[in-house]
Protein backbone atom coordinates (compact mmCIF):
# COMPACT_ATOMS: atom_id res chain seq x y z
CA MET A 1 0.26 -6.11 -3.44
CA TYR A 2 -3.04 -7.98 -3.42
CA ARG A 3 -3.64 -11.63 -4.04
CA GLU A 4 -6.52 -12.65 -6.28
CA GLU A 5 -8.99 -15.26 -5.13
CA LYS A 6 -12.27 -16.53 -6.47
CA ILE A 7 -15.36 -17.21 -4.40
CA LYS A 8 -15.02 -20.70 -2.91
CA ASN A 9 -18.25 -21.38 -1.08
CA ILE A 10 -21.79 -20.22 -0.37
CA GLN A 11 -20.72 -18.23 2.72
CA GLU A 12 -18.30 -16.14 0.65
CA LEU A 13 -20.93 -15.66 -2.05
CA GLU A 14 -23.51 -14.52 0.52
CA PHE A 15 -20.93 -12.14 1.99
CA VAL A 16 -20.16 -10.66 -1.43
CA VAL A 17 -23.87 -10.09 -2.05
CA PHE A 18 -24.20 -8.53 1.42
CA CYS A 19 -21.33 -6.16 0.64
CA ILE A 20 -22.68 -5.14 -2.77
CA GLU A 21 -26.22 -4.54 -1.47
CA ASN A 22 -25.08 -2.51 1.54
CA ILE A 23 -22.59 -0.40 -0.43
CA ALA A 24 -25.35 0.32 -2.95
CA GLU A 25 -27.67 1.35 -0.14
CA LYS A 26 -25.03 3.61 1.48
CA LEU A 27 -24.19 5.33 -1.82
CA ASP A 28 -27.85 5.36 -2.97
CA LEU A 29 -26.94 3.52 -6.16
CA ASP A 30 -28.10 0.46 -8.02
CA ALA A 31 -26.43 -2.77 -6.86
CA GLY A 32 -25.55 -3.54 -10.49
CA ARG A 33 -23.40 -0.41 -10.66
CA ILE A 34 -21.58 -1.44 -7.49
CA TYR A 35 -20.98 -4.94 -8.83
CA GLU A 36 -19.59 -3.44 -12.06
CA ALA A 37 -17.31 -1.12 -10.09
CA LEU A 38 -15.98 -4.02 -8.02
CA THR A 39 -15.48 -6.43 -10.93
CA GLU A 40 -15.27 -4.68 -14.31
CA LYS A 41 -13.90 -1.25 -13.42
CA SER A 42 -11.55 -2.71 -10.79
CA ASP A 43 -10.81 -6.10 -9.29
CA ILE A 44 -11.65 -5.15 -5.70
CA LEU A 45 -13.97 -8.12 -5.41
CA ASN A 46 -11.33 -10.77 -6.15
CA GLU A 47 -8.30 -8.82 -4.86
CA TYR A 48 -9.72 -7.57 -1.56
CA ILE A 49 -13.22 -8.67 -0.55
CA VAL A 50 -12.86 -12.41 -1.20
CA PRO A 51 -9.26 -12.79 0.05
CA GLU A 52 -10.05 -10.81 3.20
CA TYR A 53 -13.38 -12.58 3.86
CA GLU A 54 -12.16 -14.30 7.02
CA ILE A 55 -11.31 -10.96 8.64
CA LEU A 56 -14.01 -8.76 7.08
CA HIS A 57 -17.00 -10.94 7.87
CA THR A 58 -16.27 -10.62 11.60
CA GLN A 59 -16.59 -6.78 11.46
CA SER A 60 -19.67 -4.61 11.75
CA LYS A 61 -21.74 -3.76 8.68
CA GLU A 62 -20.72 -0.12 8.96
CA TYR A 63 -17.02 -1.00 9.13
CA ILE A 64 -17.21 -3.34 6.12
CA VAL A 65 -19.12 -0.87 3.97
CA ASP A 66 -16.97 2.12 4.94
CA ASP A 67 -13.78 0.12 4.37
CA ILE A 68 -14.77 -0.99 0.88
CA VAL A 69 -16.10 2.47 -0.07
CA GLU A 70 -12.77 3.93 1.02
CA ILE A 71 -10.90 1.46 -1.20
CA ILE A 72 -13.18 2.32 -4.13
CA ARG A 73 -12.37 6.02 -3.65
CA GLU A 74 -8.64 5.45 -3.07
CA ARG A 75 -8.41 3.58 -6.36
CA GLY A 76 -10.43 6.22 -8.18
CA VAL A 77 -13.04 3.74 -9.33
CA GLU A 78 -16.09 5.42 -10.85
CA VAL A 79 -19.43 4.18 -9.50
């Protein structure tokens, strides 16, 4: 269903950090917990955020954060 990709450049890395920090802010949680949820408790980081970087980074902050939070909830990932 999803393809797995690793971070390839500084722009993708900065985008991943942006996503983690803003999801943490929206959910009022520590960024470390969000990182763990996206990498250790699931593979949302490498199966969704990184592969969809080209599309996601053109969207608004609210859209990006809401989209990823929805995926976290759909997959039942504990944060």
